[in-house]
N, C-alpha and C. Protein backbone atom coordinates (compact mmCIF):
# COMPACT_ATOMS: atom_id res chain seq x y z
N MET A 1 -191.09 29.86 183.61
CA MET A 1 -191.93 30.15 184.75
C MET A 1 -193.10 31.00 184.27
N LYS A 2 -194.31 30.61 184.54
CA LYS A 2 -195.47 31.38 184.15
C LYS A 2 -195.69 32.48 185.17
N TYR A 3 -195.94 33.66 184.68
CA TYR A 3 -196.13 34.82 185.53
C TYR A 3 -197.61 35.04 185.71
N THR A 4 -198.11 34.83 186.92
CA THR A 4 -199.56 34.91 187.11
C THR A 4 -199.98 35.94 188.15
N ASN A 5 -199.12 36.35 189.04
CA ASN A 5 -199.55 37.21 190.14
C ASN A 5 -199.25 38.68 189.93
N GLY A 6 -198.69 39.06 188.80
CA GLY A 6 -198.33 40.45 188.59
C GLY A 6 -196.98 40.73 189.22
N PHE A 7 -196.22 41.54 188.57
CA PHE A 7 -194.85 41.84 189.02
C PHE A 7 -194.79 42.36 190.43
N ILE A 8 -195.48 43.40 190.70
CA ILE A 8 -195.26 44.08 191.95
C ILE A 8 -196.00 43.43 193.10
N GLY A 9 -196.98 42.60 192.83
CA GLY A 9 -197.64 41.91 193.93
C GLY A 9 -196.64 41.16 194.78
N LEU A 10 -195.73 40.44 194.13
CA LEU A 10 -194.70 39.71 194.85
C LEU A 10 -193.75 40.68 195.55
N VAL A 11 -193.33 41.71 194.84
CA VAL A 11 -192.40 42.68 195.40
C VAL A 11 -193.03 43.43 196.56
N ALA A 12 -194.26 43.85 196.37
CA ALA A 12 -194.91 44.63 197.41
C ALA A 12 -195.10 43.84 198.69
N ALA A 13 -195.35 42.56 198.56
CA ALA A 13 -195.53 41.75 199.76
C ALA A 13 -194.27 41.78 200.61
N ALA A 14 -193.13 41.75 199.98
CA ALA A 14 -191.87 41.80 200.73
C ALA A 14 -191.53 43.22 201.15
N ALA A 15 -191.80 44.17 200.28
CA ALA A 15 -191.32 45.53 200.52
C ALA A 15 -192.14 46.31 201.52
N PHE A 16 -193.43 46.16 201.46
CA PHE A 16 -194.27 47.10 202.19
C PHE A 16 -195.15 46.46 203.23
N SER A 17 -194.82 45.26 203.65
CA SER A 17 -195.53 44.63 204.75
C SER A 17 -194.77 44.95 206.03
N LEU A 18 -194.74 46.22 206.35
CA LEU A 18 -193.97 46.67 207.50
C LEU A 18 -194.62 46.25 208.81
N VAL A 19 -195.92 46.03 208.77
CA VAL A 19 -196.61 45.57 209.95
C VAL A 19 -197.05 44.15 209.66
N ALA A 20 -196.19 43.20 209.96
CA ALA A 20 -196.43 41.80 209.62
C ALA A 20 -197.46 41.21 210.56
N ASN A 21 -198.16 40.19 210.08
CA ASN A 21 -199.03 39.44 210.97
C ASN A 21 -198.14 38.77 212.00
N SER A 22 -198.46 38.95 213.25
CA SER A 22 -197.60 38.38 214.27
C SER A 22 -198.41 37.45 215.17
N THR A 23 -197.69 36.52 215.77
CA THR A 23 -198.33 35.63 216.73
C THR A 23 -198.15 36.24 218.11
N MET A 24 -198.77 35.64 219.09
CA MET A 24 -198.65 36.15 220.45
C MET A 24 -197.20 36.07 220.93
N ALA A 25 -196.44 35.11 220.45
CA ALA A 25 -195.06 34.94 220.92
C ALA A 25 -194.08 35.85 220.18
N THR A 26 -194.47 36.36 219.02
CA THR A 26 -193.55 37.18 218.24
C THR A 26 -194.03 38.62 218.21
N PRO A 27 -193.24 39.53 218.75
CA PRO A 27 -193.66 40.94 218.71
C PRO A 27 -193.57 41.46 217.27
N PRO A 28 -194.37 42.47 216.94
CA PRO A 28 -194.29 43.03 215.60
C PRO A 28 -192.90 43.65 215.38
N PRO A 29 -192.46 43.70 214.11
CA PRO A 29 -191.14 44.25 213.86
C PRO A 29 -191.10 45.73 214.19
N ALA A 30 -189.93 46.19 214.58
CA ALA A 30 -189.75 47.61 214.86
C ALA A 30 -189.87 48.38 213.56
N PRO A 31 -190.38 49.62 213.63
CA PRO A 31 -190.44 50.42 212.42
C PRO A 31 -189.04 50.61 211.84
N LEU A 32 -188.99 50.74 210.55
CA LEU A 32 -187.70 51.00 209.89
C LEU A 32 -187.20 52.38 210.28
N SER A 33 -185.89 52.52 210.36
CA SER A 33 -185.30 53.83 210.59
C SER A 33 -185.46 54.66 209.31
N ASP A 34 -185.25 55.95 209.41
CA ASP A 34 -185.31 56.81 208.22
C ASP A 34 -184.32 56.34 207.16
N ALA A 35 -183.13 55.96 207.58
CA ALA A 35 -182.12 55.49 206.64
C ALA A 35 -182.58 54.20 205.95
N GLU A 36 -183.20 53.31 206.71
CA GLU A 36 -183.70 52.05 206.13
C GLU A 36 -184.88 52.30 205.19
N VAL A 37 -185.72 53.27 205.51
CA VAL A 37 -186.83 53.62 204.61
C VAL A 37 -186.29 54.14 203.29
N LEU A 38 -185.28 55.01 203.36
CA LEU A 38 -184.67 55.52 202.12
C LEU A 38 -184.06 54.38 201.31
N GLY A 39 -183.40 53.46 201.98
CA GLY A 39 -182.82 52.31 201.29
C GLY A 39 -183.88 51.43 200.64
N LEU A 40 -184.96 51.19 201.37
CA LEU A 40 -186.05 50.37 200.85
C LEU A 40 -186.69 51.02 199.63
N LEU A 41 -186.94 52.32 199.71
CA LEU A 41 -187.59 53.00 198.59
C LEU A 41 -186.66 53.09 197.38
N ALA A 42 -185.36 53.19 197.61
CA ALA A 42 -184.42 53.19 196.48
C ALA A 42 -184.46 51.84 195.75
N ILE A 43 -184.53 50.76 196.50
CA ILE A 43 -184.62 49.44 195.87
C ILE A 43 -185.97 49.28 195.17
N ALA A 44 -187.03 49.76 195.77
CA ALA A 44 -188.35 49.71 195.13
C ALA A 44 -188.33 50.52 193.83
N ASN A 45 -187.69 51.70 193.86
CA ASN A 45 -187.56 52.50 192.64
C ASN A 45 -186.81 51.73 191.56
N ASP A 46 -185.71 51.12 191.95
CA ASP A 46 -184.92 50.35 190.98
C ASP A 46 -185.75 49.21 190.37
N ALA A 47 -186.57 48.56 191.20
CA ALA A 47 -187.43 47.49 190.70
C ALA A 47 -188.46 48.04 189.72
N GLU A 48 -189.03 49.19 190.04
CA GLU A 48 -190.01 49.82 189.14
C GLU A 48 -189.36 50.22 187.81
N ILE A 49 -188.14 50.70 187.89
CA ILE A 49 -187.42 51.08 186.67
C ILE A 49 -187.18 49.84 185.81
N SER A 50 -186.73 48.76 186.41
CA SER A 50 -186.50 47.53 185.66
C SER A 50 -187.79 47.00 185.06
N ALA A 51 -188.85 46.98 185.84
CA ALA A 51 -190.15 46.50 185.34
C ALA A 51 -190.66 47.41 184.23
N GLY A 52 -190.45 48.69 184.38
CA GLY A 52 -190.87 49.64 183.36
C GLY A 52 -190.17 49.39 182.04
N HIS A 53 -188.88 49.10 182.10
CA HIS A 53 -188.15 48.77 180.87
C HIS A 53 -188.73 47.52 180.21
N VAL A 54 -189.05 46.52 181.01
CA VAL A 54 -189.65 45.31 180.45
C VAL A 54 -190.99 45.66 179.81
N ALA A 55 -191.81 46.47 180.48
CA ALA A 55 -193.11 46.85 179.93
C ALA A 55 -192.97 47.63 178.63
N MET A 56 -191.97 48.49 178.55
CA MET A 56 -191.75 49.25 177.32
C MET A 56 -191.43 48.33 176.16
N ASN A 57 -190.71 47.27 176.43
CA ASN A 57 -190.30 46.34 175.37
C ASN A 57 -191.31 45.24 175.09
N LYS A 58 -192.01 44.80 176.12
CA LYS A 58 -192.85 43.61 175.99
C LYS A 58 -194.34 43.93 175.97
N GLY A 59 -194.70 45.15 176.39
CA GLY A 59 -196.11 45.51 176.42
C GLY A 59 -196.75 45.39 175.05
N GLN A 60 -198.01 45.01 175.04
CA GLN A 60 -198.74 44.85 173.78
C GLN A 60 -199.52 46.11 173.43
N LYS A 61 -200.10 46.75 174.41
CA LYS A 61 -200.90 47.97 174.20
C LYS A 61 -200.01 49.18 174.45
N GLN A 62 -200.26 50.23 173.68
CA GLN A 62 -199.44 51.43 173.80
C GLN A 62 -199.54 52.06 175.19
N GLU A 63 -200.73 52.02 175.81
CA GLU A 63 -200.87 52.63 177.13
C GLU A 63 -200.02 51.88 178.18
N VAL A 64 -199.80 50.60 178.00
CA VAL A 64 -198.94 49.84 178.91
C VAL A 64 -197.49 50.24 178.69
N LYS A 65 -197.09 50.34 177.43
CA LYS A 65 -195.72 50.78 177.11
C LYS A 65 -195.48 52.19 177.66
N ASP A 66 -196.47 53.07 177.48
CA ASP A 66 -196.35 54.44 177.97
C ASP A 66 -196.26 54.49 179.50
N PHE A 67 -197.06 53.65 180.16
CA PHE A 67 -197.00 53.60 181.62
C PHE A 67 -195.63 53.09 182.07
N GLY A 68 -195.10 52.09 181.37
CA GLY A 68 -193.76 51.60 181.69
C GLY A 68 -192.73 52.72 181.58
N LEU A 69 -192.82 53.52 180.51
CA LEU A 69 -191.91 54.66 180.34
C LEU A 69 -192.08 55.65 181.48
N LYS A 70 -193.32 55.91 181.87
CA LYS A 70 -193.58 56.83 182.98
C LYS A 70 -192.96 56.31 184.27
N MET A 71 -193.04 54.99 184.50
CA MET A 71 -192.45 54.43 185.71
C MET A 71 -190.93 54.58 185.68
N VAL A 72 -190.32 54.37 184.53
CA VAL A 72 -188.87 54.55 184.40
C VAL A 72 -188.51 56.00 184.71
N THR A 73 -189.21 56.93 184.08
CA THR A 73 -188.92 58.36 184.25
C THR A 73 -189.16 58.82 185.68
N ASP A 74 -190.34 58.50 186.21
CA ASP A 74 -190.71 58.99 187.54
C ASP A 74 -189.87 58.36 188.64
N HIS A 75 -189.58 57.07 188.53
CA HIS A 75 -188.81 56.41 189.58
C HIS A 75 -187.32 56.75 189.50
N THR A 76 -186.83 57.07 188.31
CA THR A 76 -185.46 57.59 188.20
C THR A 76 -185.39 58.95 188.89
N ALA A 77 -186.38 59.79 188.66
CA ALA A 77 -186.44 61.10 189.33
C ALA A 77 -186.57 60.92 190.84
N ASN A 78 -187.34 59.92 191.27
CA ASN A 78 -187.51 59.69 192.70
C ASN A 78 -186.20 59.25 193.34
N ASN A 79 -185.40 58.47 192.63
CA ASN A 79 -184.08 58.10 193.17
C ASN A 79 -183.20 59.34 193.33
N LEU A 80 -183.31 60.28 192.41
CA LEU A 80 -182.55 61.53 192.55
C LEU A 80 -183.03 62.32 193.76
N LYS A 81 -184.32 62.28 194.04
CA LYS A 81 -184.86 62.95 195.23
C LYS A 81 -184.32 62.30 196.50
N ILE A 82 -184.19 60.98 196.49
CA ILE A 82 -183.61 60.30 197.65
C ILE A 82 -182.19 60.80 197.89
N LYS A 83 -181.41 60.92 196.82
CA LYS A 83 -180.04 61.43 196.96
C LYS A 83 -180.04 62.85 197.52
N ALA A 84 -180.97 63.67 197.06
CA ALA A 84 -181.05 65.05 197.57
C ALA A 84 -181.42 65.06 199.06
N VAL A 85 -182.33 64.19 199.46
CA VAL A 85 -182.71 64.09 200.88
C VAL A 85 -181.51 63.63 201.70
N GLU A 86 -180.77 62.67 201.17
CA GLU A 86 -179.59 62.19 201.88
C GLU A 86 -178.59 63.33 202.11
N LEU A 87 -178.36 64.13 201.07
CA LEU A 87 -177.42 65.25 201.20
C LEU A 87 -177.92 66.29 202.19
N LYS A 88 -179.19 66.64 202.07
CA LYS A 88 -179.75 67.69 202.92
C LYS A 88 -179.84 67.26 204.38
N SER A 89 -180.24 66.02 204.60
CA SER A 89 -180.47 65.55 205.97
C SER A 89 -179.24 64.96 206.64
N GLY A 90 -178.27 64.57 205.82
CA GLY A 90 -177.11 63.88 206.36
C GLY A 90 -177.40 62.42 206.70
N ILE A 91 -178.53 61.91 206.24
CA ILE A 91 -178.91 60.52 206.48
C ILE A 91 -178.63 59.73 205.20
N ALA A 92 -177.77 58.72 205.33
CA ALA A 92 -177.46 57.86 204.18
C ALA A 92 -178.37 56.64 204.23
N ARG A 93 -178.88 56.27 203.07
CA ARG A 93 -179.74 55.08 203.01
C ARG A 93 -179.01 53.88 203.57
N ALA A 94 -179.77 52.99 204.13
CA ALA A 94 -179.19 51.79 204.75
C ALA A 94 -179.99 50.56 204.32
N ASP A 95 -179.30 49.45 204.29
CA ASP A 95 -179.95 48.18 204.02
C ASP A 95 -180.67 47.71 205.27
N SER A 96 -181.64 46.87 205.05
CA SER A 96 -182.35 46.21 206.14
C SER A 96 -182.71 44.81 205.65
N ASP A 97 -183.16 43.99 206.55
CA ASP A 97 -183.61 42.66 206.12
C ASP A 97 -184.70 42.80 205.06
N MET A 98 -185.57 43.78 205.26
CA MET A 98 -186.66 43.98 204.32
C MET A 98 -186.14 44.43 202.94
N SER A 99 -185.17 45.31 202.89
CA SER A 99 -184.66 45.76 201.59
C SER A 99 -183.90 44.65 200.88
N ARG A 100 -183.19 43.83 201.64
CA ARG A 100 -182.50 42.70 201.02
C ARG A 100 -183.50 41.69 200.46
N GLN A 101 -184.58 41.45 201.18
CA GLN A 101 -185.62 40.54 200.69
C GLN A 101 -186.31 41.13 199.47
N LEU A 102 -186.56 42.42 199.51
CA LEU A 102 -187.18 43.09 198.36
C LEU A 102 -186.32 42.94 197.12
N LYS A 103 -185.02 43.14 197.25
CA LYS A 103 -184.12 43.00 196.11
C LYS A 103 -184.19 41.60 195.54
N LYS A 104 -184.16 40.61 196.41
CA LYS A 104 -184.24 39.22 195.97
C LYS A 104 -185.57 38.94 195.26
N ASP A 105 -186.66 39.37 195.87
CA ASP A 105 -187.99 39.15 195.29
C ASP A 105 -188.17 39.93 193.99
N ALA A 106 -187.64 41.15 193.95
CA ALA A 106 -187.76 41.97 192.74
C ALA A 106 -187.01 41.33 191.58
N ASP A 107 -185.82 40.81 191.85
CA ASP A 107 -185.06 40.14 190.79
C ASP A 107 -185.83 38.94 190.24
N ALA A 108 -186.44 38.17 191.13
CA ALA A 108 -187.23 37.01 190.69
C ALA A 108 -188.46 37.47 189.91
N ALA A 109 -189.10 38.54 190.37
CA ALA A 109 -190.29 39.04 189.69
C ALA A 109 -189.95 39.59 188.30
N ILE A 110 -188.82 40.25 188.17
CA ILE A 110 -188.39 40.76 186.86
C ILE A 110 -188.18 39.58 185.90
N ASP A 111 -187.57 38.53 186.40
CA ASP A 111 -187.41 37.33 185.58
C ASP A 111 -188.78 36.80 185.15
N GLY A 112 -189.74 36.80 186.05
CA GLY A 112 -191.09 36.37 185.73
C GLY A 112 -191.73 37.24 184.66
N LEU A 113 -191.52 38.54 184.76
CA LEU A 113 -192.04 39.46 183.74
C LEU A 113 -191.42 39.17 182.38
N LYS A 114 -190.14 38.97 182.37
CA LYS A 114 -189.44 38.70 181.11
C LYS A 114 -189.94 37.42 180.46
N ASN A 115 -190.37 36.45 181.27
CA ASN A 115 -190.83 35.17 180.76
C ASN A 115 -192.34 35.09 180.56
N ALA A 116 -193.06 36.15 180.88
CA ALA A 116 -194.51 36.14 180.72
C ALA A 116 -194.89 36.03 179.26
N LYS A 117 -195.96 35.32 179.01
CA LYS A 117 -196.48 35.22 177.64
C LYS A 117 -196.98 36.60 177.22
N ASP A 118 -196.72 36.95 175.98
CA ASP A 118 -197.10 38.27 175.48
C ASP A 118 -198.58 38.55 175.70
N ALA A 119 -199.44 37.58 175.46
CA ALA A 119 -200.88 37.77 175.58
C ALA A 119 -201.29 38.08 177.02
N ASP A 120 -200.54 37.61 177.99
CA ASP A 120 -200.86 37.81 179.41
C ASP A 120 -200.13 39.00 180.03
N PHE A 121 -199.16 39.53 179.33
CA PHE A 121 -198.25 40.49 179.93
C PHE A 121 -198.94 41.76 180.41
N ASP A 122 -199.70 42.42 179.54
CA ASP A 122 -200.25 43.74 179.87
C ASP A 122 -201.06 43.71 181.16
N LEU A 123 -201.99 42.79 181.24
CA LEU A 123 -202.84 42.74 182.43
C LEU A 123 -202.05 42.33 183.67
N ALA A 124 -201.12 41.40 183.52
CA ALA A 124 -200.30 40.98 184.66
C ALA A 124 -199.47 42.16 185.18
N TYR A 125 -198.85 42.90 184.26
CA TYR A 125 -198.03 44.05 184.67
C TYR A 125 -198.89 45.11 185.35
N ILE A 126 -200.01 45.45 184.74
CA ILE A 126 -200.86 46.52 185.30
C ILE A 126 -201.51 46.08 186.60
N ASN A 127 -201.96 44.84 186.69
CA ASN A 127 -202.51 44.36 187.97
C ASN A 127 -201.47 44.48 189.08
N GLY A 128 -200.24 44.12 188.76
CA GLY A 128 -199.16 44.25 189.73
C GLY A 128 -198.92 45.70 190.13
N GLN A 129 -199.01 46.59 189.16
CA GLN A 129 -198.82 48.01 189.44
C GLN A 129 -199.92 48.55 190.37
N VAL A 130 -201.15 48.14 190.11
CA VAL A 130 -202.26 48.57 190.96
C VAL A 130 -202.04 48.05 192.38
N ASN A 131 -201.72 46.77 192.51
CA ASN A 131 -201.51 46.18 193.85
C ASN A 131 -200.37 46.86 194.59
N MET A 132 -199.24 47.03 193.91
CA MET A 132 -198.07 47.61 194.57
C MET A 132 -198.34 49.05 195.00
N HIS A 133 -198.89 49.86 194.10
CA HIS A 133 -199.11 51.25 194.45
C HIS A 133 -200.15 51.39 195.56
N GLN A 134 -201.16 50.53 195.58
CA GLN A 134 -202.14 50.58 196.67
C GLN A 134 -201.48 50.20 197.99
N GLN A 135 -200.69 49.14 197.98
CA GLN A 135 -200.01 48.72 199.21
C GLN A 135 -199.04 49.78 199.70
N LEU A 136 -198.30 50.40 198.79
CA LEU A 136 -197.37 51.44 199.20
C LEU A 136 -198.12 52.64 199.75
N LEU A 137 -199.21 53.04 199.11
CA LEU A 137 -200.01 54.16 199.60
C LEU A 137 -200.49 53.86 201.02
N ASN A 138 -200.97 52.64 201.24
CA ASN A 138 -201.43 52.25 202.58
C ASN A 138 -200.29 52.34 203.59
N GLU A 139 -199.10 51.85 203.22
CA GLU A 139 -197.96 51.88 204.15
C GLU A 139 -197.46 53.30 204.39
N LEU A 140 -197.47 54.12 203.37
CA LEU A 140 -197.08 55.53 203.57
C LEU A 140 -197.99 56.17 204.61
N ASP A 141 -199.29 55.94 204.49
CA ASP A 141 -200.25 56.55 205.41
C ASP A 141 -200.18 55.94 206.81
N ALA A 142 -200.05 54.64 206.88
CA ALA A 142 -200.14 53.95 208.17
C ALA A 142 -198.83 53.92 208.94
N SER A 143 -197.71 53.89 208.23
CA SER A 143 -196.45 53.63 208.92
C SER A 143 -195.31 54.55 208.51
N LEU A 144 -195.02 54.61 207.22
CA LEU A 144 -193.80 55.30 206.80
C LEU A 144 -193.81 56.79 207.14
N ILE A 145 -194.86 57.50 206.78
CA ILE A 145 -194.92 58.94 207.08
C ILE A 145 -195.03 59.18 208.58
N PRO A 146 -195.97 58.50 209.28
CA PRO A 146 -196.07 58.77 210.72
C PRO A 146 -194.81 58.43 211.52
N ASN A 147 -194.04 57.43 211.07
CA ASN A 147 -192.85 57.01 211.83
C ASN A 147 -191.58 57.74 211.42
N ALA A 148 -191.64 58.55 210.37
CA ALA A 148 -190.44 59.28 209.95
C ALA A 148 -190.01 60.24 211.06
N GLN A 149 -188.71 60.24 211.36
CA GLN A 149 -188.18 61.07 212.42
C GLN A 149 -187.62 62.40 211.92
N ASN A 150 -187.00 62.36 210.76
CA ASN A 150 -186.36 63.54 210.20
C ASN A 150 -187.36 64.32 209.34
N ALA A 151 -187.37 65.64 209.48
CA ALA A 151 -188.33 66.48 208.74
C ALA A 151 -188.13 66.37 207.23
N ASP A 152 -186.88 66.27 206.78
CA ASP A 152 -186.63 66.16 205.34
C ASP A 152 -187.12 64.82 204.80
N VAL A 153 -186.92 63.76 205.56
CA VAL A 153 -187.41 62.45 205.14
C VAL A 153 -188.94 62.45 205.13
N LYS A 154 -189.54 63.04 206.15
CA LYS A 154 -191.01 63.11 206.21
C LYS A 154 -191.56 63.91 205.03
N ALA A 155 -190.92 65.02 204.69
CA ALA A 155 -191.37 65.82 203.54
C ALA A 155 -191.23 65.03 202.24
N TYR A 156 -190.13 64.31 202.09
CA TYR A 156 -189.92 63.47 200.91
C TYR A 156 -191.02 62.40 200.81
N LEU A 157 -191.31 61.74 201.93
CA LEU A 157 -192.34 60.70 201.92
C LEU A 157 -193.71 61.28 201.60
N THR A 158 -193.99 62.46 202.11
CA THR A 158 -195.28 63.12 201.83
C THR A 158 -195.38 63.47 200.36
N GLU A 159 -194.30 63.96 199.77
CA GLU A 159 -194.28 64.27 198.34
C GLU A 159 -194.40 62.98 197.52
N THR A 160 -193.72 61.94 197.95
CA THR A 160 -193.78 60.65 197.26
C THR A 160 -195.20 60.10 197.30
N ARG A 161 -195.89 60.32 198.40
CA ARG A 161 -197.27 59.83 198.53
C ARG A 161 -198.15 60.38 197.41
N VAL A 162 -197.98 61.65 197.08
CA VAL A 162 -198.76 62.28 196.00
C VAL A 162 -198.50 61.56 194.68
N ALA A 163 -197.24 61.27 194.40
CA ALA A 163 -196.88 60.57 193.16
C ALA A 163 -197.43 59.15 193.14
N VAL A 164 -197.35 58.47 194.28
CA VAL A 164 -197.86 57.09 194.37
C VAL A 164 -199.36 57.07 194.10
N GLU A 165 -200.08 58.01 194.67
CA GLU A 165 -201.52 58.07 194.45
C GLU A 165 -201.84 58.34 192.98
N ALA A 166 -201.07 59.23 192.35
CA ALA A 166 -201.27 59.51 190.92
C ALA A 166 -200.98 58.27 190.08
N HIS A 167 -199.89 57.56 190.39
CA HIS A 167 -199.56 56.33 189.67
C HIS A 167 -200.68 55.29 189.85
N LEU A 168 -201.18 55.18 191.07
CA LEU A 168 -202.25 54.23 191.35
C LEU A 168 -203.48 54.54 190.50
N ASN A 169 -203.87 55.80 190.47
CA ASN A 169 -205.06 56.17 189.71
C ASN A 169 -204.87 55.92 188.21
N GLU A 170 -203.69 56.20 187.69
CA GLU A 170 -203.41 55.95 186.28
C GLU A 170 -203.41 54.44 185.99
N ALA A 171 -202.80 53.66 186.87
CA ALA A 171 -202.77 52.21 186.68
C ALA A 171 -204.19 51.63 186.74
N LYS A 172 -205.03 52.13 187.64
CA LYS A 172 -206.41 51.66 187.72
C LYS A 172 -207.18 51.97 186.43
N ALA A 173 -206.94 53.14 185.86
CA ALA A 173 -207.61 53.50 184.61
C ALA A 173 -207.19 52.56 183.48
N ILE A 174 -205.90 52.26 183.41
CA ILE A 174 -205.42 51.34 182.39
C ILE A 174 -205.98 49.94 182.64
N GLN A 175 -206.00 49.54 183.89
CA GLN A 175 -206.55 48.23 184.25
C GLN A 175 -208.01 48.13 183.81
N ALA A 176 -208.78 49.16 184.05
CA ALA A 176 -210.20 49.15 183.66
C ALA A 176 -210.33 49.03 182.14
N ALA A 177 -209.48 49.75 181.41
CA ALA A 177 -209.53 49.68 179.94
C ALA A 177 -209.13 48.30 179.44
N LEU A 178 -208.16 47.68 180.09
CA LEU A 178 -207.71 46.35 179.66
C LEU A 178 -208.73 45.27 179.94
N THR A 179 -209.56 45.46 180.94
CA THR A 179 -210.52 44.42 181.31
C THR A 179 -211.88 44.64 180.66
N GLN A 180 -212.03 45.70 179.87
CA GLN A 180 -213.27 45.93 179.13
C GLN A 180 -213.36 44.93 177.99
N PRO A 181 -214.54 44.38 177.76
CA PRO A 181 -214.68 43.40 176.66
C PRO A 181 -214.53 44.04 175.31
């Protein structure tokens, strides 16, 4: 399978399209509960960790390998933060249709990354990272943070937003360097 759309582009479409395009006959989906948001972000973290491992092994440029390592490190730490929020708030992460779809899409996307041609890998991985982090930042601002009910979950999402924005800016810098002639 040729990997052309970037890893996280596929994942982000499933994970962070919380406000789906709806028709007049179909009402928009209800916002995720705090427990479902924690579950969704844990699966997104796991996907980032898996993709990061692939980037560390398959990346051609050192900055791509380093970014992959950063994603493994930062998203592992973020999963630990989710566990801490669960303990403090008494809210256990929960599955949702969206998190189950994300898991399925992430598994397929990881397979695509593993099968990507080496020459195409770096830009495909980084383009996906830019797309995913931008989409997540948009969803954090538009839906996830405003709809959080629990103060601990809201604080976690606000802290996560800072990390997402930093990841986005770093991925954009790498993307710019990769696309320079």
